[in-house]
Amino acid sequence: MLRIKIDNVSLEGELTFPERPLGLIIFAHGSGSSRFSPRNRLIAKFLNLNGFGTFLFDLLTEKEDQDYKCQIDIELLSKRLEVMTRYLMELPKTKILPFAYFGASTGAASAMIAASKLQNKIKAIVSRGGRPDMANGHLQNVNAPTLLIVGQRDVQVLALNQQAFDEMEGTKNLKIIDGATHLFEEHGTMEQVADLSLDWFMKHLAQRTKVNMLSEL
């Protein structure tokens, strides 16, 4: 358990490392969710098993999470995500790793904005059923390779993702999961999300880690 003080509040997170991690994936949860989200924990465990470190944490305190205004305050959430990321980038155990974001729902918008501020310090982003459209005004400044994953039956969110995708520059991809709704509760759909996410992170983080390790020899 890692506890960090931001904005006079104490936020908690779970840092998990496999042996010789290929990178660190920071999870940005959506409104009304937390680090205990079974869907994000499933993805995190899959990434751990395949060589990536993960950090699942809460952008809001329990009290704040009861306030809908806080849940959708993207400016607040993205600022805390950025501060949290900078903190992890200074820790001896994590600072040598390439960093990436995994954002769900409104957490994807927070990840986009934080990445636009941190620029080349964030090497990849994956959005699951996200709302990147809520990062409007920042999307063109996101230079991290970004994968948007959306359910085919999540019609409104799919349209918003297509709109955001068109606004983004640089390396990007939009993957639509057949038969999936917003929460990817249909059989096999979350496994597809996990596989796509792993492939994206392997492509954009793993090779970078190998190069960094060789450069230190």
C-alpha atoms as a PDB file:
ATOM      1  CA  MET A   1       0.000   0.000   0.000  1.00  0.00           C
ATOM      2  CA  LEU A   2       1.272   3.441  -0.934  1.00  0.00           C
ATOM      3  CA  ARG A   3      -0.202   6.582   0.610  1.00  0.00           C
ATOM      4  CA  ILE A   4       0.450  10.003  -0.894  1.00  0.00           C
ATOM      5  CA  LYS A   5      -0.734  13.403   0.313  1.00  0.00           C
ATOM      6  CA  ILE A   6      -2.127  15.661  -2.425  1.00  0.00           C
ATOM      7  CA  ASP A   7      -4.221  18.813  -1.992  1.00  0.00           C
ATOM      8  CA  ASN A   8      -4.326  18.257   1.778  1.00  0.00           C
ATOM      9  CA  VAL A   9      -5.941  14.840   1.341  1.00  0.00           C
ATOM     10  CA  SER A  10      -4.373  11.405   1.664  1.00  0.00           C
ATOM     11  CA  LEU A  11      -4.823   9.102  -1.324  1.00  0.00           C
ATOM     12  CA  GLU A  12      -4.085   5.392  -1.295  1.00  0.00           C
ATOM     13  CA  GLY A  13      -2.876   3.038  -3.985  1.00  0.00           C
ATOM     14  CA  GLU A  14      -1.568  -0.467  -4.602  1.00  0.00           C
ATOM     15  CA  LEU A  15       1.792  -0.812  -6.310  1.00  0.00           C
ATOM     16  CA  THR A  16       2.445  -4.289  -7.727  1.00  0.00           C
ATOM     17  CA  PHE A  17       5.677  -5.418  -9.330  1.00  0.00           C
ATOM     18  CA  PRO A  18       6.631  -8.622 -11.122  1.00  0.00           C
ATOM     19  CA  GLU A  19      10.284  -9.547 -11.298  1.00  0.00           C
ATOM     20  CA  ARG A  20      12.135  -7.252 -13.725  1.00  0.00           C
ATOM     21  CA  PRO A  21       9.096  -5.186 -14.778  1.00  0.00           C
ATOM     22  CA  LEU A  22       8.853  -3.983 -18.372  1.00  0.00           C
ATOM     23  CA  GLY A  23       7.140  -0.770 -17.359  1.00  0.00           C
ATOM     24  CA  LEU A  24       4.649   0.780 -14.945  1.00  0.00           C
ATOM     25  CA  ILE A  25       0.963   1.101 -15.870  1.00  0.00           C
ATOM     26  CA  ILE A  26      -0.956   3.653 -13.788  1.00  0.00           C
ATOM     27  CA  PHE A  27      -4.726   3.082 -13.649  1.00  0.00           C
ATOM     28  CA  ALA A  28      -7.067   6.064 -13.747  1.00  0.00           C
ATOM     29  CA  HIS A  29     -10.530   4.932 -12.650  1.00  0.00           C
ATOM     30  CA  GLY A  30     -13.814   6.365 -13.817  1.00  0.00           C
ATOM     31  CA  SER A  31     -16.451   8.222 -11.828  1.00  0.00           C
ATOM     32  CA  GLY A  32     -17.989   6.155  -9.065  1.00  0.00           C
ATOM     33  CA  SER A  33     -15.233   3.551  -9.315  1.00  0.00           C
ATOM     34  CA  SER A  34     -12.092   2.890  -7.268  1.00  0.00           C
ATOM     35  CA  ARG A  35      -8.950   0.811  -7.111  1.00  0.00           C
ATOM     36  CA  PHE A  36     -11.191  -2.096  -6.077  1.00  0.00           C
ATOM     37  CA  SER A  37     -12.916  -2.166  -9.478  1.00  0.00           C
ATOM     38  CA  PRO A  38     -13.055  -5.885 -10.407  1.00  0.00           C
ATOM     39  CA  ARG A  39     -12.652  -5.078 -14.103  1.00  0.00           C
ATOM     40  CA  ASN A  40      -9.545  -2.976 -13.673  1.00  0.00           C
ATOM     41  CA  ARG A  41      -8.087  -5.411 -11.154  1.00  0.00           C
ATOM     42  CA  LEU A  42      -8.550  -8.201 -13.697  1.00  0.00           C
ATOM     43  CA  ILE A  43      -6.657  -6.181 -16.314  1.00  0.00           C
ATOM     44  CA  ALA A  44      -3.936  -5.265 -13.807  1.00  0.00           C
ATOM     45  CA  LYS A  45      -3.419  -8.881 -12.768  1.00  0.00           C
ATOM     46  CA  PHE A  46      -3.140  -9.926 -16.410  1.00  0.00           C
ATOM     47  CA  LEU A  47      -0.528  -7.220 -17.007  1.00  0.00           C
ATOM     48  CA  ASN A  48       1.376  -8.318 -13.879  1.00  0.00           C
ATOM     49  CA  LEU A  49       1.475 -11.899 -15.115  1.00  0.00           C
ATOM     50  CA  ASN A  50       2.933 -10.648 -18.376  1.00  0.00           C
ATOM     51  CA  GLY A  51       5.728  -8.598 -16.875  1.00  0.00           C
ATOM     52  CA  PHE A  52       4.304  -5.130 -16.164  1.00  0.00           C
ATOM     53  CA  GLY A  53       4.119  -3.275 -12.894  1.00  0.00           C
ATOM     54  CA  THR A  54       0.780  -1.647 -12.045  1.00  0.00           C
ATOM     55  CA  PHE A  55      -0.421   1.099  -9.752  1.00  0.00           C
ATOM     56  CA  LEU A  56      -4.110   1.140  -8.842  1.00  0.00           C
ATOM     57  CA  PHE A  57      -5.133   4.099  -6.713  1.00  0.00           C
ATOM     58  CA  ASP A  58      -8.029   6.370  -5.861  1.00  0.00           C
ATOM     59  CA  LEU A  59      -8.070   9.902  -7.240  1.00  0.00           C
ATOM     60  CA  LEU A  60     -10.709  10.845  -4.662  1.00  0.00           C
ATOM     61  CA  THR A  61     -11.168  10.224  -0.959  1.00  0.00           C
ATOM     62  CA  GLU A  62     -14.203   8.203   0.162  1.00  0.00           C
ATOM     63  CA  LYS A  63     -15.978  11.417   1.156  1.00  0.00           C
ATOM     64  CA  GLU A  64     -15.191  13.151  -2.151  1.00  0.00           C
ATOM     65  CA  ASP A  65     -16.356  10.104  -4.074  1.00  0.00           C
ATOM     66  CA  GLN A  66     -19.842  10.613  -2.651  1.00  0.00           C
ATOM     67  CA  ASP A  67     -19.975  14.036  -4.309  1.00  0.00           C
ATOM     68  CA  TYR A  68     -20.969  13.807  -7.975  1.00  0.00           C
ATOM     69  CA  LYS A  69     -19.331  17.181  -8.677  1.00  0.00           C
ATOM     70  CA  CYS A  70     -15.989  15.731  -7.611  1.00  0.00           C
ATOM     71  CA  GLN A  71     -16.555  12.596  -9.674  1.00  0.00           C
ATOM     72  CA  ILE A  72     -16.819  14.604 -12.884  1.00  0.00           C
ATOM     73  CA  ASP A  73     -14.272  17.310 -12.003  1.00  0.00           C
ATOM     74  CA  ILE A  74     -11.819  16.318 -14.741  1.00  0.00           C
ATOM     75  CA  GLU A  75      -9.499  19.212 -13.942  1.00  0.00           C
ATOM     76  CA  LEU A  76      -9.165  18.050 -10.331  1.00  0.00           C
ATOM     77  CA  LEU A  77      -8.737  14.397 -11.295  1.00  0.00           C
ATOM     78  CA  SER A  78      -6.152  15.063 -13.989  1.00  0.00           C
ATOM     79  CA  LYS A  79      -4.157  17.351 -11.705  1.00  0.00           C
ATOM     80  CA  ARG A  80      -4.010  14.667  -9.023  1.00  0.00           C
ATOM     81  CA  LEU A  81      -3.056  12.037 -11.578  1.00  0.00           C
ATOM     82  CA  GLU A  82      -0.238  14.241 -12.819  1.00  0.00           C
ATOM     83  CA  VAL A  83       1.038  14.901  -9.287  1.00  0.00           C
ATOM     84  CA  MET A  84       0.822  11.202  -8.441  1.00  0.00           C
ATOM     85  CA  THR A  85       2.731  10.309 -11.603  1.00  0.00           C
ATOM     86  CA  ARG A  86       5.492  12.804 -10.905  1.00  0.00           C
ATOM     87  CA  TYR A  87       5.809  11.390  -7.392  1.00  0.00           C
ATOM     88  CA  LEU A  88       6.231   7.849  -8.727  1.00  0.00           C
ATOM     89  CA  MET A  89       8.785   9.075 -11.234  1.00  0.00           C
ATOM     90  CA  GLU A  90      10.998  10.094  -8.337  1.00  0.00           C
ATOM     91  CA  LEU A  91      10.844   6.812  -6.408  1.00  0.00           C
ATOM     92  CA  PRO A  92      14.022   4.713  -6.748  1.00  0.00           C
ATOM     93  CA  LYS A  93      12.031   1.577  -7.556  1.00  0.00           C
ATOM     94  CA  THR A  94       9.942   3.117 -10.324  1.00  0.00           C
ATOM     95  CA  LYS A  95      11.850   6.042 -11.816  1.00  0.00           C
ATOM     96  CA  ILE A  96      13.885   3.821 -14.140  1.00  0.00           C
ATOM     97  CA  LEU A  97      10.739   2.440 -15.802  1.00  0.00           C
ATOM     98  CA  PRO A  98       8.726   3.738 -18.750  1.00  0.00           C
ATOM     99  CA  PHE A  99       5.285   4.944 -17.626  1.00  0.00           C
ATOM    100  CA  ALA A 100       1.876   4.451 -19.216  1.00  0.00           C
ATOM    101  CA  TYR A 101      -1.780   5.063 -18.367  1.00  0.00           C
ATOM    102  CA  PHE A 102      -4.814   2.793 -18.426  1.00  0.00           C
ATOM    103  CA  GLY A 103      -7.970   4.896 -18.175  1.00  0.00           C
ATOM    104  CA  ALA A 104     -11.586   3.775 -17.842  1.00  0.00           C
ATOM    105  CA  SER A 105     -14.682   5.926 -18.351  1.00  0.00           C
ATOM    106  CA  THR A 106     -13.948   9.500 -17.151  1.00  0.00           C
ATOM    107  CA  GLY A 107     -10.548   8.281 -15.993  1.00  0.00           C
ATOM    108  CA  ALA A 108      -9.519   8.182 -19.644  1.00  0.00           C
ATOM    109  CA  ALA A 109     -10.049  11.953 -19.899  1.00  0.00           C
ATOM    110  CA  SER A 110      -7.890  12.469 -16.803  1.00  0.00           C
ATOM    111  CA  ALA A 111      -5.193  10.299 -18.366  1.00  0.00           C
ATOM    112  CA  MET A 112      -5.292  12.266 -21.622  1.00  0.00           C
ATOM    113  CA  ILE A 113      -4.940  15.608 -19.869  1.00  0.00           C
ATOM    114  CA  ALA A 114      -2.173  14.410 -17.550  1.00  0.00           C
ATOM    115  CA  ALA A 115      -0.320  12.922 -20.535  1.00  0.00           C
ATOM    116  CA  SER A 116      -0.618  16.207 -22.423  1.00  0.00           C
ATOM    117  CA  LYS A 117       1.096  17.926 -19.484  1.00  0.00           C
ATOM    118  CA  LEU A 118       3.779  15.262 -18.974  1.00  0.00           C
ATOM    119  CA  GLN A 119       4.415  14.871 -22.728  1.00  0.00           C
ATOM    120  CA  ASN A 120       7.135  12.320 -23.572  1.00  0.00           C
ATOM    121  CA  LYS A 121       7.263  11.030 -19.985  1.00  0.00           C
ATOM    122  CA  ILE A 122       4.124   8.985 -20.753  1.00  0.00           C
ATOM    123  CA  LYS A 123       4.899   6.338 -23.355  1.00  0.00           C
ATOM    124  CA  ALA A 124       1.447   4.864 -24.020  1.00  0.00           C
ATOM    125  CA  ILE A 125      -2.240   5.177 -23.111  1.00  0.00           C
ATOM    126  CA  VAL A 126      -5.083   2.666 -23.234  1.00  0.00           C
ATOM    127  CA  SER A 127      -8.692   3.788 -22.776  1.00  0.00           C
ATOM    128  CA  ARG A 128     -11.397   1.215 -21.946  1.00  0.00           C
ATOM    129  CA  GLY A 129     -14.914   2.471 -22.555  1.00  0.00           C
ATOM    130  CA  GLY A 130     -13.440   5.879 -21.912  1.00  0.00           C
ATOM    131  CA  ARG A 131     -14.565   9.458 -22.347  1.00  0.00           C
ATOM    132  CA  PRO A 132     -11.584  11.053 -24.099  1.00  0.00           C
ATOM    133  CA  ASP A 133     -14.001  13.679 -25.434  1.00  0.00           C
ATOM    134  CA  MET A 134     -14.025  15.170 -21.930  1.00  0.00           C
ATOM    135  CA  ALA A 135     -10.359  16.070 -22.476  1.00  0.00           C
ATOM    136  CA  ASN A 136     -11.406  18.407 -25.274  1.00  0.00           C
ATOM    137  CA  GLY A 137      -8.780  21.090 -25.819  1.00  0.00           C
ATOM    138  CA  HIS A 138      -5.963  18.760 -24.754  1.00  0.00           C
ATOM    139  CA  LEU A 139      -6.313  15.917 -27.247  1.00  0.00           C
ATOM    140  CA  GLN A 140      -4.076  17.452 -29.899  1.00  0.00           C
ATOM    141  CA  ASN A 141      -1.305  17.786 -27.306  1.00  0.00           C
ATOM    142  CA  VAL A 142      -1.297  14.074 -26.428  1.00  0.00           C
ATOM    143  CA  ASN A 143       1.748  12.578 -28.114  1.00  0.00           C
ATOM    144  CA  ALA A 144       1.731   9.206 -26.341  1.00  0.00           C
ATOM    145  CA  PRO A 145       0.576   6.316 -28.579  1.00  0.00           C
ATOM    146  CA  THR A 146      -3.091   5.926 -27.649  1.00  0.00           C
ATOM    147  CA  LEU A 147      -5.440   2.953 -27.982  1.00  0.00           C
ATOM    148  CA  LEU A 148      -9.179   3.526 -27.586  1.00  0.00           C
ATOM    149  CA  ILE A 149     -11.198   0.369 -26.844  1.00  0.00           C
ATOM    150  CA  VAL A 150     -14.981   0.637 -27.056  1.00  0.00           C
ATOM    151  CA  GLY A 151     -17.865  -1.822 -27.048  1.00  0.00           C
ATOM    152  CA  GLN A 152     -19.849  -2.111 -30.275  1.00  0.00           C
ATOM    153  CA  ARG A 153     -23.147  -1.783 -28.404  1.00  0.00           C
ATOM    154  CA  ASP A 154     -21.975   1.211 -26.372  1.00  0.00           C
ATOM    155  CA  VAL A 155     -23.328   3.414 -29.142  1.00  0.00           C
ATOM    156  CA  GLN A 156     -23.098   6.875 -27.583  1.00  0.00           C
ATOM    157  CA  VAL A 157     -19.623   6.357 -26.127  1.00  0.00           C
ATOM    158  CA  LEU A 158     -18.459   4.863 -29.419  1.00  0.00           C
ATOM    159  CA  ALA A 159     -19.547   8.003 -31.266  1.00  0.00           C
ATOM    160  CA  LEU A 160     -17.746  10.201 -28.731  1.00  0.00           C
ATOM    161  CA  ASN A 161     -14.593   8.097 -29.057  1.00  0.00           C
ATOM    162  CA  GLN A 162     -14.686   8.367 -32.836  1.00  0.00           C
ATOM    163  CA  GLN A 163     -14.977  12.134 -32.509  1.00  0.00           C
ATOM    164  CA  ALA A 164     -12.020  12.273 -30.081  1.00  0.00           C
ATOM    165  CA  PHE A 165     -10.017   9.884 -32.264  1.00  0.00           C
ATOM    166  CA  ASP A 166     -10.407  12.193 -35.247  1.00  0.00           C
ATOM    167  CA  GLU A 167      -9.100  15.122 -33.203  1.00  0.00           C
ATOM    168  CA  MET A 168      -6.015  13.304 -31.960  1.00  0.00           C
ATOM    169  CA  GLU A 169      -2.692  13.439 -33.734  1.00  0.00           C
ATOM    170  CA  GLY A 170       0.204  11.013 -33.636  1.00  0.00           C
ATOM    171  CA  THR A 171       0.066   7.255 -33.131  1.00  0.00           C
ATOM    172  CA  LYS A 172      -3.464   6.090 -32.341  1.00  0.00           C
ATOM    173  CA  ASN A 173      -5.877   3.233 -32.847  1.00  0.00           C
ATOM    174  CA  LEU A 174      -9.565   2.593 -32.211  1.00  0.00           C
ATOM    175  CA  LYS A 175     -10.638  -0.981 -31.478  1.00  0.00           C
ATOM    176  CA  ILE A 176     -14.312  -1.937 -31.330  1.00  0.00           C
ATOM    177  CA  ILE A 177     -15.237  -5.090 -29.402  1.00  0.00           C
ATOM    178  CA  ASP A 178     -18.089  -6.900 -31.130  1.00  0.00           C
ATOM    179  CA  GLY A 179     -21.180  -7.417 -28.980  1.00  0.00           C
ATOM    180  CA  ALA A 180     -19.774  -5.527 -25.983  1.00  0.00           C
ATOM    181  CA  THR A 181     -21.664  -2.941 -23.938  1.00  0.00           C
ATOM    182  CA  HIS A 182     -20.132  -0.184 -21.804  1.00  0.00           C
ATOM    183  CA  LEU A 183     -18.905  -2.397 -18.944  1.00  0.00           C
ATOM    184  CA  PHE A 184     -17.738  -5.277 -21.160  1.00  0.00           C
ATOM    185  CA  GLU A 185     -19.772  -7.735 -19.114  1.00  0.00           C
ATOM    186  CA  GLU A 186     -20.441 -10.067 -22.054  1.00  0.00           C
ATOM    187  CA  HIS A 187     -18.583 -13.371 -22.123  1.00  0.00           C
ATOM    188  CA  GLY A 188     -15.024 -13.027 -23.402  1.00  0.00           C
ATOM    189  CA  THR A 189     -15.149  -9.275 -24.012  1.00  0.00           C
ATOM    190  CA  MET A 190     -13.002  -8.270 -21.031  1.00  0.00           C
ATOM    191  CA  GLU A 191     -10.436 -10.870 -22.069  1.00  0.00           C
ATOM    192  CA  GLN A 192     -10.275  -9.150 -25.452  1.00  0.00           C
ATOM    193  CA  VAL A 193      -9.673  -5.829 -23.709  1.00  0.00           C
ATOM    194  CA  ALA A 194      -6.850  -7.405 -21.707  1.00  0.00           C
ATOM    195  CA  ASP A 195      -5.209  -8.892 -24.800  1.00  0.00           C
ATOM    196  CA  LEU A 196      -5.425  -5.652 -26.774  1.00  0.00           C
ATOM    197  CA  SER A 197      -4.045  -3.659 -23.839  1.00  0.00           C
ATOM    198  CA  LEU A 198      -1.127  -6.029 -23.349  1.00  0.00           C
ATOM    199  CA  ASP A 199      -0.248  -5.934 -27.047  1.00  0.00           C
ATOM    200  CA  TRP A 200      -0.280  -2.117 -27.007  1.00  0.00           C
ATOM    201  CA  PHE A 201       1.911  -1.851 -23.930  1.00  0.00           C
ATOM    202  CA  MET A 202       4.308  -4.516 -25.192  1.00  0.00           C
ATOM    203  CA  LYS A 203       4.680  -2.618 -28.451  1.00  0.00           C
ATOM    204  CA  HIS A 204       5.231   0.807 -26.934  1.00  0.00           C
ATOM    205  CA  LEU A 205       6.857   0.115 -23.544  1.00  0.00           C
ATOM    206  CA  ALA A 206       8.705  -3.197 -23.538  1.00  0.00           C
ATOM    207  CA  GLN A 207      11.142  -2.306 -26.304  1.00  0.00           C
ATOM    208  CA  ARG A 208      11.849   1.027 -24.655  1.00  0.00           C
ATOM    209  CA  THR A 209      12.746  -0.744 -21.424  1.00  0.00           C
ATOM    210  CA  LYS A 210      15.191  -3.034 -23.189  1.00  0.00           C
ATOM    211  CA  VAL A 211      16.916  -0.054 -24.784  1.00  0.00           C
ATOM    212  CA  ASN A 212      17.108   1.780 -21.449  1.00  0.00           C
ATOM    213  CA  MET A 213      18.571  -1.264 -19.717  1.00  0.00           C
ATOM    214  CA  LEU A 214      21.218  -1.709 -22.418  1.00  0.00           C
ATOM    215  CA  SER A 215      22.161   1.949 -22.221  1.00  0.00           C
ATOM    216  CA  GLU A 216      22.959   1.542 -18.530  1.00  0.00           C
ATOM    217  CA  LEU A 217      25.407  -1.341 -19.061  1.00  0.00           C
END
